[in-house]
PDB file of N, CA and C in Angstrom:
ATOM      1  N   MET A   1    -147.239 -40.402  85.040  1.00  0.00           N
ATOM      2  CA  MET A   1    -147.532 -41.813  85.147  1.00  0.00           C
ATOM      3  C   MET A   1    -148.906 -42.059  84.521  1.00  0.00           C
ATOM      4  N   SER A   2    -148.980 -43.084  83.713  1.00  0.00           N
ATOM      5  CA  SER A   2    -150.248 -43.408  83.075  1.00  0.00           C
ATOM      6  C   SER A   2    -151.213 -44.008  84.109  1.00  0.00           C
ATOM      7  N   GLN A   3    -152.492 -43.991  83.780  1.00  0.00           N
ATOM      8  CA  GLN A   3    -153.498 -44.565  84.680  1.00  0.00           C
ATOM      9  C   GLN A   3    -153.263 -46.062  84.867  1.00  0.00           C
ATOM     10  N   LEU A   4    -152.889 -46.756  83.774  1.00  0.00           N
ATOM     11  CA  LEU A   4    -152.618 -48.186  83.859  1.00  0.00           C
ATOM     12  C   LEU A   4    -151.476 -48.470  84.833  1.00  0.00           C
ATOM     13  N   THR A   5    -150.389 -47.706  84.724  1.00  0.00           N
ATOM     14  CA  THR A   5    -149.243 -47.868  85.625  1.00  0.00           C
ATOM     15  C   THR A   5    -149.669 -47.623  87.062  1.00  0.00           C
ATOM     16  N   PHE A   6    -150.436 -46.570  87.270  1.00  0.00           N
ATOM     17  CA  PHE A   6    -150.911 -46.239  88.609  1.00  0.00           C
ATOM     18  C   PHE A   6    -151.739 -47.386  89.184  1.00  0.00           C
ATOM     19  N   ASP A   7    -152.629 -47.950  88.365  1.00  0.00           N
ATOM     20  CA  ASP A   7    -153.482 -49.049  88.823  1.00  0.00           C
ATOM     21  C   ASP A   7    -152.656 -50.273  89.206  1.00  0.00           C
ATOM     22  N   ILE A   8    -151.657 -50.590  88.398  1.00  0.00           N
ATOM     23  CA  ILE A   8    -150.801 -51.747  88.684  1.00  0.00           C
ATOM     24  C   ILE A   8    -150.030 -51.544  89.985  1.00  0.00           C
ATOM     25  N   ILE A   9    -149.463 -50.368  90.155  1.00  0.00           N
ATOM     26  CA  ILE A   9    -148.686 -50.084  91.371  1.00  0.00           C
ATOM     27  C   ILE A   9    -149.602 -50.049  92.587  1.00  0.00           C
ATOM     28  N   SER A  10    -150.791 -49.524  92.426  1.00  0.00           N
ATOM     29  CA  SER A  10    -151.747 -49.494  93.540  1.00  0.00           C
ATOM     30  C   SER A  10    -152.098 -50.899  94.005  1.00  0.00           C
ATOM     31  N   LYS A  11    -152.288 -51.807  93.064  1.00  0.00           N
ATOM     32  CA  LYS A  11    -152.592 -53.198  93.421  1.00  0.00           C
ATOM     33  C   LYS A  11    -151.417 -53.832  94.158  1.00  0.00           C
ATOM     34  N   ARG A  12    -150.210 -53.523  93.701  1.00  0.00           N
ATOM     35  CA  ARG A  12    -149.010 -54.066  94.354  1.00  0.00           C
ATOM     36  C   ARG A  12    -148.878 -53.541  95.777  1.00  0.00           C
ATOM     37  N   SER A  13    -149.244 -52.281  95.983  1.00  0.00           N
ATOM     38  CA  SER A  13    -149.051 -51.673  97.301  1.00  0.00           C
ATOM     39  C   SER A  13    -149.946 -52.298  98.360  1.00  0.00           C
ATOM     40  N   ALA A  14    -151.039 -52.936  97.951  1.00  0.00           N
ATOM     41  CA  ALA A  14    -151.922 -53.597  98.908  1.00  0.00           C
ATOM     42  C   ALA A  14    -151.204 -54.741  99.620  1.00  0.00           C
ATOM     43  N   ASN A  15    -150.214 -55.339  98.951  1.00  0.00           N
ATOM     44  CA  ASN A  15    -149.485 -56.482  99.520  1.00  0.00           C
ATOM     45  C   ASN A  15    -148.045 -56.149  99.896  1.00  0.00           C
ATOM     46  N   ARG A  16    -147.713 -54.884  99.926  1.00  0.00           N
ATOM     47  CA  ARG A  16    -146.303 -54.541 100.144  1.00  0.00           C
ATOM     48  C   ARG A  16    -145.838 -54.846 101.563  1.00  0.00           C
ATOM     49  N   VAL A  17    -144.553 -55.123 101.646  1.00  0.00           N
ATOM     50  CA  VAL A  17    -143.943 -55.466 102.931  1.00  0.00           C
ATOM     51  C   VAL A  17    -142.883 -54.445 103.335  1.00  0.00           C
ATOM     52  N   CYS A  18    -142.687 -53.420 102.489  1.00  0.00           N
ATOM     53  CA  CYS A  18    -141.708 -52.392 102.803  1.00  0.00           C
ATOM     54  C   CYS A  18    -142.134 -51.082 102.152  1.00  0.00           C
ATOM     55  N   ASP A  19    -141.313 -50.046 102.279  1.00  0.00           N
ATOM     56  CA  ASP A  19    -141.645 -48.730 101.736  1.00  0.00           C
ATOM     57  C   ASP A  19    -141.289 -48.557 100.265  1.00  0.00           C
ATOM     58  N   TYR A  20    -140.628 -49.534  99.664  1.00  0.00           N
ATOM     59  CA  TYR A  20    -140.241 -49.439  98.266  1.00  0.00           C
ATOM     60  C   TYR A  20    -141.372 -49.920  97.359  1.00  0.00           C
ATOM     61  N   VAL A  21    -141.513 -49.273  96.210  1.00  0.00           N
ATOM     62  CA  VAL A  21    -142.517 -49.703  95.239  1.00  0.00           C
ATOM     63  C   VAL A  21    -142.135 -51.073  94.698  1.00  0.00           C
ATOM     64  N   PHE A  22    -140.886 -51.239  94.349  1.00  0.00           N
ATOM     65  CA  PHE A  22    -140.360 -52.515  93.885  1.00  0.00           C
ATOM     66  C   PHE A  22    -139.289 -52.949  94.878  1.00  0.00           C
ATOM     67  N   ASP A  23    -139.428 -54.139  95.408  1.00  0.00           N
ATOM     68  CA  ASP A  23    -138.476 -54.588  96.418  1.00  0.00           C
ATOM     69  C   ASP A  23    -138.005 -56.003  96.116  1.00  0.00           C
ATOM     70  N   TRP A  24    -136.951 -56.379  96.792  1.00  0.00           N
ATOM     71  CA  TRP A  24    -136.449 -57.741  96.728  1.00  0.00           C
ATOM     72  C   TRP A  24    -136.337 -58.243  98.162  1.00  0.00           C
ATOM     73  N   LYS A  25    -137.244 -59.122  98.528  1.00  0.00           N
ATOM     74  CA  LYS A  25    -137.283 -59.691  99.881  1.00  0.00           C
ATOM     75  C   LYS A  25    -137.365 -58.609 100.949  1.00  0.00           C
ATOM     76  N   GLY A  26    -138.180 -57.592 100.671  1.00  0.00           N
ATOM     77  CA  GLY A  26    -138.412 -56.523 101.642  1.00  0.00           C
ATOM     78  C   GLY A  26    -137.376 -55.419 101.644  1.00  0.00           C
ATOM     79  N   GLY A  27    -136.414 -55.475 100.738  1.00  0.00           N
ATOM     80  CA  GLY A  27    -135.369 -54.451 100.685  1.00  0.00           C
ATOM     81  C   GLY A  27    -135.307 -53.783  99.328  1.00  0.00           C
ATOM     82  N   LYS A  28    -134.462 -52.798  99.232  1.00  0.00           N
ATOM     83  CA  LYS A  28    -134.276 -52.055  97.982  1.00  0.00           C
ATOM     84  C   LYS A  28    -133.680 -52.961  96.912  1.00  0.00           C
ATOM     85  N   VAL A  29    -134.185 -52.826  95.676  1.00  0.00           N
ATOM     86  CA  VAL A  29    -133.640 -53.580  94.553  1.00  0.00           C
ATOM     87  C   VAL A  29    -132.334 -52.914  94.131  1.00  0.00           C
ATOM     88  N   ASP A  30    -131.281 -53.699  94.064  1.00  0.00           N
ATOM     89  CA  ASP A  30    -129.973 -53.179  93.681  1.00  0.00           C
ATOM     90  C   ASP A  30    -129.963 -52.831  92.193  1.00  0.00           C
ATOM     91  N   GLU A  31    -129.387 -51.672  91.846  1.00  0.00           N
ATOM     92  CA  GLU A  31    -129.326 -51.224  90.445  1.00  0.00           C
ATOM     93  C   GLU A  31    -128.591 -52.224  89.561  1.00  0.00           C
ATOM     94  N   ARG A  32    -127.561 -52.831  90.088  1.00  0.00           N
ATOM     95  CA  ARG A  32    -126.797 -53.812  89.304  1.00  0.00           C
ATOM     96  C   ARG A  32    -127.655 -55.024  88.964  1.00  0.00           C
ATOM     97  N   PHE A  33    -128.549 -55.403  89.876  1.00  0.00           N
ATOM     98  CA  PHE A  33    -129.452 -56.520  89.633  1.00  0.00           C
ATOM     99  C   PHE A  33    -130.382 -56.185  88.464  1.00  0.00           C
ATOM    100  N   VAL A  34    -130.948 -54.973  88.457  1.00  0.00           N
ATOM    101  CA  VAL A  34    -131.845 -54.539  87.382  1.00  0.00           C
ATOM    102  C   VAL A  34    -131.091 -54.510  86.060  1.00  0.00           C
ATOM    103  N   THR A  35    -129.886 -53.959  86.071  1.00  0.00           N
ATOM    104  CA  THR A  35    -129.058 -53.900  84.866  1.00  0.00           C
ATOM    105  C   THR A  35    -128.774 -55.298  84.336  1.00  0.00           C
ATOM    106  N   HIS A  36    -128.430 -56.206  85.231  1.00  0.00           N
ATOM    107  CA  HIS A  36    -128.129 -57.591  84.838  1.00  0.00           C
ATOM    108  C   HIS A  36    -129.369 -58.266  84.242  1.00  0.00           C
ATOM    109  N   LYS A  37    -130.501 -58.112  84.893  1.00  0.00           N
ATOM    110  CA  LYS A  37    -131.736 -58.738  84.406  1.00  0.00           C
ATOM    111  C   LYS A  37    -132.165 -58.152  83.066  1.00  0.00           C
ATOM    112  N   PHE A  38    -131.980 -56.846  82.882  1.00  0.00           N
ATOM    113  CA  PHE A  38    -132.302 -56.222  81.605  1.00  0.00           C
ATOM    114  C   PHE A  38    -131.410 -56.805  80.507  1.00  0.00           C
ATOM    115  N   GLY A  39    -130.134 -56.981  80.808  1.00  0.00           N
ATOM    116  CA  GLY A  39    -129.208 -57.607  79.854  1.00  0.00           C
ATOM    117  C   GLY A  39    -129.654 -59.008  79.483  1.00  0.00           C
ATOM    118  N   ASP A  40    -130.143 -59.763  80.477  1.00  0.00           N
ATOM    119  CA  ASP A  40    -130.673 -61.101  80.200  1.00  0.00           C
ATOM    120  C   ASP A  40    -131.859 -61.031  79.240  1.00  0.00           C
ATOM    121  N   CYS A  41    -132.735 -60.062  79.448  1.00  0.00           N
ATOM    122  CA  CYS A  41    -133.914 -59.897  78.578  1.00  0.00           C
ATOM    123  C   CYS A  41    -133.494 -59.539  77.154  1.00  0.00           C
ATOM    124  N   VAL A  42    -132.472 -58.706  77.025  1.00  0.00           N
ATOM    125  CA  VAL A  42    -131.955 -58.333  75.704  1.00  0.00           C
ATOM    126  C   VAL A  42    -131.430 -59.575  74.995  1.00  0.00           C
ATOM    127  N   GLN A  43    -130.711 -60.406  75.727  1.00  0.00           N
ATOM    128  CA  GLN A  43    -130.183 -61.654  75.151  1.00  0.00           C
ATOM    129  C   GLN A  43    -131.309 -62.579  74.707  1.00  0.00           C
ATOM    130  N   ARG A  44    -132.291 -62.791  75.593  1.00  0.00           N
ATOM    131  CA  ARG A  44    -133.402 -63.706  75.284  1.00  0.00           C
ATOM    132  C   ARG A  44    -134.250 -63.199  74.121  1.00  0.00           C
ATOM    133  N   ALA A  45    -134.290 -61.879  73.932  1.00  0.00           N
ATOM    134  CA  ALA A  45    -135.064 -61.305  72.830  1.00  0.00           C
ATOM    135  C   ALA A  45    -134.308 -61.408  71.507  1.00  0.00           C
ATOM    136  N   GLY A  46    -133.088 -61.937  71.560  1.00  0.00           N
ATOM    137  CA  GLY A  46    -132.302 -62.090  70.344  1.00  0.00           C
ATOM    138  C   GLY A  46    -131.655 -60.792  69.891  1.00  0.00           C
ATOM    139  N   LEU A  47    -131.466 -59.885  70.810  1.00  0.00           N
ATOM    140  CA  LEU A  47    -130.869 -58.587  70.478  1.00  0.00           C
ATOM    141  C   LEU A  47    -129.442 -58.487  70.981  1.00  0.00           C
ATOM    142  N   LYS A  48    -128.770 -59.624  71.103  1.00  0.00           N
ATOM    143  CA  LYS A  48    -127.434 -59.612  71.697  1.00  0.00           C
ATOM    144  C   LYS A  48    -126.429 -58.786  70.909  1.00  0.00           C
ATOM    145  N   GLY A  49    -126.678 -58.583  69.609  1.00  0.00           N
ATOM    146  CA  GLY A  49    -125.806 -57.708  68.830  1.00  0.00           C
ATOM    147  C   GLY A  49    -125.850 -56.270  69.323  1.00  0.00           C
ATOM    148  N   LEU A  50    -126.952 -55.921  69.986  1.00  0.00           N
ATOM    149  CA  LEU A  50    -127.099 -54.579  70.549  1.00  0.00           C
ATOM    150  C   LEU A  50    -126.707 -54.541  72.019  1.00  0.00           C
ATOM    151  N   GLY A  51    -126.281 -55.653  72.545  1.00  0.00           N
ATOM    152  CA  GLY A  51    -126.011 -55.809  73.969  1.00  0.00           C
ATOM    153  C   GLY A  51    -125.218 -54.701  74.617  1.00  0.00           C
ATOM    154  N   LYS A  52    -124.183 -54.222  73.940  1.00  0.00           N
ATOM    155  CA  LYS A  52    -123.361 -53.172  74.542  1.00  0.00           C
ATOM    156  C   LYS A  52    -123.987 -51.794  74.362  1.00  0.00           C
ATOM    157  N   LYS A  53    -124.871 -51.652  73.378  1.00  0.00           N
ATOM    158  CA  LYS A  53    -125.510 -50.371  73.111  1.00  0.00           C
ATOM    159  C   LYS A  53    -126.868 -50.240  73.804  1.00  0.00           C
ATOM    160  N   LEU A  54    -127.546 -51.370  73.970  1.00  0.00           N
ATOM    161  CA  LEU A  54    -128.889 -51.356  74.533  1.00  0.00           C
ATOM    162  C   LEU A  54    -128.818 -51.567  76.036  1.00  0.00           C
ATOM    163  N   ARG A  55    -129.118 -50.514  76.776  1.00  0.00           N
ATOM    164  CA  ARG A  55    -129.073 -50.541  78.232  1.00  0.00           C
ATOM    165  C   ARG A  55    -130.436 -50.193  78.789  1.00  0.00           C
ATOM    166  N   PHE A  56    -130.620 -50.405  80.084  1.00  0.00           N
ATOM    167  CA  PHE A  56    -131.892 -50.086  80.729  1.00  0.00           C
ATOM    168  C   PHE A  56    -132.252 -48.614  80.487  1.00  0.00           C
ATOM    169  N   HIS A  57    -131.264 -47.748  80.504  1.00  0.00           N
ATOM    170  CA  HIS A  57    -131.476 -46.316  80.266  1.00  0.00           C
ATOM    171  C   HIS A  57    -132.023 -46.054  78.856  1.00  0.00           C
ATOM    172  N   SER A  58    -131.793 -46.980  77.934  1.00  0.00           N
ATOM    173  CA  SER A  58    -132.310 -46.837  76.567  1.00  0.00           C
ATOM    174  C   SER A  58    -133.834 -46.732  76.550  1.00  0.00           C
ATOM    175  N   LEU A  59    -134.481 -47.304  77.552  1.00  0.00           N
ATOM    176  CA  LEU A  59    -135.937 -47.228  77.628  1.00  0.00           C
ATOM    177  C   LEU A  59    -136.415 -45.782  77.778  1.00  0.00           C
ATOM    178  N   ARG A  60    -135.619 -44.959  78.414  1.00  0.00           N
ATOM    179  CA  ARG A  60    -135.947 -43.537  78.571  1.00  0.00           C
ATOM    180  C   ARG A  60    -135.924 -42.847  77.205  1.00  0.00           C
ATOM    181  N   HIS A  61    -134.930 -43.191  76.396  1.00  0.00           N
ATOM    182  CA  HIS A  61    -134.849 -42.645  75.044  1.00  0.00           C
ATOM    183  C   HIS A  61    -136.050 -43.104  74.215  1.00  0.00           C
ATOM    184  N   THR A  62    -136.406 -44.375  74.357  1.00  0.00           N
ATOM    185  CA  THR A  62    -137.547 -44.914  73.619  1.00  0.00           C
ATOM    186  C   THR A  62    -138.827 -44.196  74.013  1.00  0.00           C
ATOM    187  N   PHE A  63    -139.015 -43.974  75.293  1.00  0.00           N
ATOM    188  CA  PHE A  63    -140.192 -43.257  75.801  1.00  0.00           C
ATOM    189  C   PHE A  63    -140.317 -41.891  75.138  1.00  0.00           C
ATOM    190  N   ALA A  64    -139.232 -41.129  75.150  1.00  0.00           N
ATOM    191  CA  ALA A  64    -139.247 -39.789  74.558  1.00  0.00           C
ATOM    192  C   ALA A  64    -139.467 -39.847  73.052  1.00  0.00           C
ATOM    193  N   THR A  65    -138.810 -40.779  72.391  1.00  0.00           N
ATOM    194  CA  THR A  65    -138.940 -40.904  70.934  1.00  0.00           C
ATOM    195  C   THR A  65    -140.366 -41.240  70.539  1.00  0.00           C
ATOM    196  N   TRP A  66    -140.968 -42.192  71.227  1.00  0.00           N
ATOM    197  CA  TRP A  66    -142.346 -42.575  70.901  1.00  0.00           C
ATOM    198  C   TRP A  66    -143.309 -41.411  71.116  1.00  0.00           C
ATOM    199  N   LEU A  67    -143.077 -40.639  72.162  1.00  0.00           N
ATOM    200  CA  LEU A  67    -143.947 -39.476  72.403  1.00  0.00           C
ATOM    201  C   LEU A  67    -143.805 -38.455  71.284  1.00  0.00           C
ATOM    202  N   VAL A  68    -142.567 -38.187  70.868  1.00  0.00           N
ATOM    203  CA  VAL A  68    -142.336 -37.240  69.773  1.00  0.00           C
ATOM    204  C   VAL A  68    -143.013 -37.742  68.506  1.00  0.00           C
ATOM    205  N   GLN A  69    -142.853 -39.013  68.214  1.00  0.00           N
ATOM    206  CA  GLN A  69    -143.435 -39.580  67.000  1.00  0.00           C
ATOM    207  C   GLN A  69    -144.956 -39.583  67.043  1.00  0.00           C
ATOM    208  N   ASP A  70    -145.519 -39.521  68.232  1.00  0.00           N
ATOM    209  CA  ASP A  70    -146.970 -39.478  68.365  1.00  0.00           C
ATOM    210  C   ASP A  70    -147.490 -38.039  68.406  1.00  0.00           C
ATOM    211  N   GLY A  71    -146.580 -37.079  68.200  1.00  0.00           N
ATOM    212  CA  GLY A  71    -146.993 -35.688  68.106  1.00  0.00           C
ATOM    213  C   GLY A  71    -147.061 -34.930  69.421  1.00  0.00           C
ATOM    214  N   VAL A  72    -146.495 -35.485  70.486  1.00  0.00           N
ATOM    215  CA  VAL A  72    -146.498 -34.809  71.777  1.00  0.00           C
ATOM    216  C   VAL A  72    -145.495 -33.662  71.739  1.00  0.00           C
ATOM    217  N   SER A  73    -145.859 -32.544  72.303  1.00  0.00           N
ATOM    218  CA  SER A  73    -145.010 -31.357  72.342  1.00  0.00           C
ATOM    219  C   SER A  73    -143.698 -31.653  73.068  1.00  0.00           C
ATOM    220  N   ILE A  74    -142.609 -31.148  72.521  1.00  0.00           N
ATOM    221  CA  ILE A  74    -141.295 -31.336  73.135  1.00  0.00           C
ATOM    222  C   ILE A  74    -141.259 -30.730  74.546  1.00  0.00           C
ATOM    223  N   TYR A  75    -142.074 -29.704  74.769  1.00  0.00           N
ATOM    224  CA  TYR A  75    -142.130 -29.068  76.094  1.00  0.00           C
ATOM    225  C   TYR A  75    -142.835 -29.972  77.104  1.00  0.00           C
ATOM    226  N   GLU A  76    -143.846 -30.706  76.651  1.00  0.00           N
ATOM    227  CA  GLU A  76    -144.513 -31.666  77.532  1.00  0.00           C
ATOM    228  C   GLU A  76    -143.561 -32.809  77.870  1.00  0.00           C
ATOM    229  N   ILE A  77    -142.810 -33.252  76.879  1.00  0.00           N
ATOM    230  CA  ILE A  77    -141.843 -34.334  77.097  1.00  0.00           C
ATOM    231  C   ILE A  77    -140.764 -33.875  78.067  1.00  0.00           C
ATOM    232  N   GLN A  78    -140.339 -32.628  77.935  1.00  0.00           N
ATOM    233  CA  GLN A  78    -139.347 -32.067  78.861  1.00  0.00           C
ATOM    234  C   GLN A  78    -139.844 -32.178  80.297  1.00  0.00           C
ATOM    235  N   LYS A  79    -141.098 -31.840  80.524  1.00  0.00           N
ATOM    236  CA  LYS A  79    -141.676 -31.909  81.870  1.00  0.00           C
ATOM    237  C   LYS A  79    -141.749 -33.359  82.350  1.00  0.00           C
ATOM    238  N   LEU A  80    -142.163 -34.261  81.471  1.00  0.00           N
ATOM    239  CA  LEU A  80    -142.265 -35.671  81.847  1.00  0.00           C
ATOM    240  C   LEU A  80    -140.910 -36.263  82.215  1.00  0.00           C
ATOM    241  N   LEU A  81    -139.859 -35.867  81.494  1.00  0.00           N
ATOM    242  CA  LEU A  81    -138.523 -36.387  81.761  1.00  0.00           C
ATOM    243  C   LEU A  81    -137.826 -35.641  82.898  1.00  0.00           C
ATOM    244  N   GLY A  82    -138.365 -34.472  83.257  1.00  0.00           N
ATOM    245  CA  GLY A  82    -137.779 -33.706  84.358  1.00  0.00           C
ATOM    246  C   GLY A  82    -136.522 -32.945  83.989  1.00  0.00           C
ATOM    247  N   HIS A  83    -136.377 -32.607  82.727  1.00  0.00           N
ATOM    248  CA  HIS A  83    -135.197 -31.869  82.283  1.00  0.00           C
ATOM    249  C   HIS A  83    -135.339 -30.374  82.576  1.00  0.00           C
ATOM    250  N   SER A  84    -134.234 -29.745  82.898  1.00  0.00           N
ATOM    251  CA  SER A  84    -134.255 -28.306  83.154  1.00  0.00           C
ATOM    252  C   SER A  84    -134.142 -27.506  81.861  1.00  0.00           C
ATOM    253  N   SER A  85    -133.648 -28.136  80.800  1.00  0.00           N
ATOM    254  CA  SER A  85    -133.516 -27.421  79.524  1.00  0.00           C
ATOM    255  C   SER A  85    -134.110 -28.236  78.385  1.00  0.00           C
ATOM    256  N   ILE A  86    -134.624 -27.542  77.406  1.00  0.00           N
ATOM    257  CA  ILE A  86    -135.203 -28.181  76.230  1.00  0.00           C
ATOM    258  C   ILE A  86    -134.119 -28.876  75.408  1.00  0.00           C
ATOM    259  N   GLU A  87    -132.898 -28.366  75.463  1.00  0.00           N
ATOM    260  CA  GLU A  87    -131.782 -28.966  74.723  1.00  0.00           C
ATOM    261  C   GLU A  87    -131.523 -30.403  75.185  1.00  0.00           C
ATOM    262  N   MET A  88    -131.621 -30.641  76.472  1.00  0.00           N
ATOM    263  CA  MET A  88    -131.414 -31.997  76.987  1.00  0.00           C
ATOM    264  C   MET A  88    -132.508 -32.922  76.470  1.00  0.00           C
ATOM    265  N   THR A  89    -133.721 -32.445  76.426  1.00  0.00           N
ATOM    266  CA  THR A  89    -134.841 -33.259  75.943  1.00  0.00           C
ATOM    267  C   THR A  89    -134.662 -33.597  74.476  1.00  0.00           C
ATOM    268  N   GLN A  90    -134.144 -32.668  73.706  1.00  0.00           N
ATOM    269  CA  GLN A  90    -133.946 -32.905  72.278  1.00  0.00           C
ATOM    270  C   GLN A  90    -132.957 -34.039  72.026  1.00  0.00           C
ATOM    271  N   ILE A  91    -132.026 -34.232  72.929  1.00  0.00           N
ATOM    272  CA  ILE A  91    -131.070 -35.339  72.804  1.00  0.00           C
ATOM    273  C   ILE A  91    -131.807 -36.671  72.875  1.00  0.00           C
ATOM    274  N   TYR A  92    -132.816 -36.738  73.707  1.00  0.00           N
ATOM    275  CA  TYR A  92    -133.569 -37.968  73.921  1.00  0.00           C
ATOM    276  C   TYR A  92    -134.602 -38.233  72.840  1.00  0.00           C
ATOM    277  N   SER A  93    -135.028 -37.225  72.145  1.00  0.00           N
ATOM    278  CA  SER A  93    -136.167 -37.369  71.236  1.00  0.00           C
ATOM    279  C   SER A  93    -135.714 -37.556  69.796  1.00  0.00           C
ATOM    280  N   HIS A  94    -135.264 -38.745  69.495  1.00  0.00           N
ATOM    281  CA  HIS A  94    -134.798 -39.082  68.155  1.00  0.00           C
ATOM    282  C   HIS A  94    -135.972 -39.156  67.183  1.00  0.00           C
ATOM    283  N   LEU A  95    -135.756 -38.697  65.990  1.00  0.00           N
ATOM    284  CA  LEU A  95    -136.771 -38.819  64.946  1.00  0.00           C
ATOM    285  C   LEU A  95    -136.217 -39.681  63.825  1.00  0.00           C
ATOM    286  N   HIS A  96    -137.022 -40.585  63.343  1.00  0.00           N
ATOM    287  CA  HIS A  96    -136.632 -41.418  62.221  1.00  0.00           C
ATOM    288  C   HIS A  96    -136.912 -40.670  60.926  1.00  0.00           C
ATOM    289  N   SER A  97    -136.181 -41.005  59.868  1.00  0.00           N
ATOM    290  CA  SER A  97    -136.352 -40.315  58.599  1.00  0.00           C
ATOM    291  C   SER A  97    -137.770 -40.461  58.058  1.00  0.00           C
ATOM    292  N   GLU A  98    -138.413 -41.604  58.324  1.00  0.00           N
ATOM    293  CA  GLU A  98    -139.797 -41.781  57.866  1.00  0.00           C
ATOM    294  C   GLU A  98    -140.717 -40.760  58.522  1.00  0.00           C
ATOM    295  N   GLN A  99    -140.491 -40.497  59.795  1.00  0.00           N
ATOM    296  CA  GLN A  99    -141.314 -39.522  60.519  1.00  0.00           C
ATOM    297  C   GLN A  99    -141.087 -38.125  59.950  1.00  0.00           C
ATOM    298  N   LEU A 100    -139.855 -37.792  59.658  1.00  0.00           N
ATOM    299  CA  LEU A 100    -139.554 -36.480  59.092  1.00  0.00           C
ATOM    300  C   LEU A 100    -140.181 -36.347  57.709  1.00  0.00           C
ATOM    301  N   HIS A 101    -140.123 -37.396  56.920  1.00  0.00           N
ATOM    302  CA  HIS A 101    -140.723 -37.377  55.583  1.00  0.00           C
ATOM    303  C   HIS A 101    -142.237 -37.171  55.688  1.00  0.00           C
ATOM    304  N   SER A 102    -142.852 -37.860  56.624  1.00  0.00           N
ATOM    305  CA  SER A 102    -144.290 -37.718  56.846  1.00  0.00           C
ATOM    306  C   SER A 102    -144.637 -36.287  57.255  1.00  0.00           C
ATOM    307  N   THR A 103    -143.806 -35.688  58.066  1.00  0.00           N
ATOM    308  CA  THR A 103    -144.035 -34.312  58.508  1.00  0.00           C
ATOM    309  C   THR A 103    -143.973 -33.343  57.335  1.00  0.00           C
ATOM    310  N   VAL A 104    -142.980 -33.488  56.495  1.00  0.00           N
ATOM    311  CA  VAL A 104    -142.843 -32.613  55.326  1.00  0.00           C
ATOM    312  C   VAL A 104    -144.030 -32.782  54.389  1.00  0.00           C
ATOM    313  N   ASN A 105    -144.536 -33.990  54.271  1.00  0.00           N
ATOM    314  CA  ASN A 105    -145.665 -34.252  53.379  1.00  0.00           C
ATOM    315  C   ASN A 105    -146.978 -33.644  53.863  1.00  0.00           C
ATOM    316  N   ARG A 106    -146.988 -33.078  55.057  1.00  0.00           N
ATOM    317  CA  ARG A 106    -148.178 -32.372  55.539  1.00  0.00           C
ATOM    318  C   ARG A 106    -148.402 -31.065  54.774  1.00  0.00           C
ATOM    319  N   ILE A 107    -147.335 -30.562  54.182  1.00  0.00           N
ATOM    320  CA  ILE A 107    -147.432 -29.318  53.413  1.00  0.00           C
ATOM    321  C   ILE A 107    -148.055 -29.634  52.056  1.00  0.00           C
ATOM    322  N   THR A 108    -149.119 -28.976  51.761  1.00  0.00           N
ATOM    323  CA  THR A 108    -149.774 -29.197  50.472  1.00  0.00           C
ATOM    324  C   THR A 108    -149.938 -27.875  49.749  1.00  0.00           C
ATOM    325  N   LEU A 109    -149.864 -27.937  48.445  1.00  0.00           N
ATOM    326  CA  LEU A 109    -150.031 -26.751  47.616  1.00  0.00           C
ATOM    327  C   LEU A 109    -151.117 -27.030  46.569  1.00  0.00           C
ATOM    328  N   ASP A 110    -151.937 -26.067  46.363  1.00  0.00           N
ATOM    329  CA  ASP A 110    -152.940 -26.194  45.302  1.00  0.00           C
ATOM    330  C   ASP A 110    -152.352 -25.527  44.066  1.00  0.00           C
ATOM    331  N   LEU A 111    -151.863 -26.339  43.143  1.00  0.00           N
ATOM    332  CA  LEU A 111    -151.162 -25.813  41.973  1.00  0.00           C
ATOM    333  C   LEU A 111    -152.101 -25.551  40.787  1.00  0.00           C
ATOM    334  N   GLN A 112    -153.360 -25.583  41.001  1.00  0.00           N
ATOM    335  CA  GLN A 112    -154.296 -25.340  39.895  1.00  0.00           C
ATOM    336  C   GLN A 112    -154.837 -23.934  39.915  1.00  0.00           C
TER     337      GLN A 112
END
């Protein structure tokens, strides 16, 4: 958890009315409610063409992908995602062709 996330949750906990970090009227937030609201956000963002492909779980893939693209070790990402195998983490860590091209361009040769 990032320091910013921790700070935000800590501020929320000062006013909490139940044991849940995120609650709805003092009770557990239903997963279907979160899924529905995420779908609404996808629609409002104009991404309705991705509606069936873009799910709340997609954010987990984005998290892993952004970390990989920022040069974070796949083993660190594995720990952050809580995977028991590196193979599972590799499924989540998509690389774009631009990133791969940039990586290959790190190799330099002195041809003189």
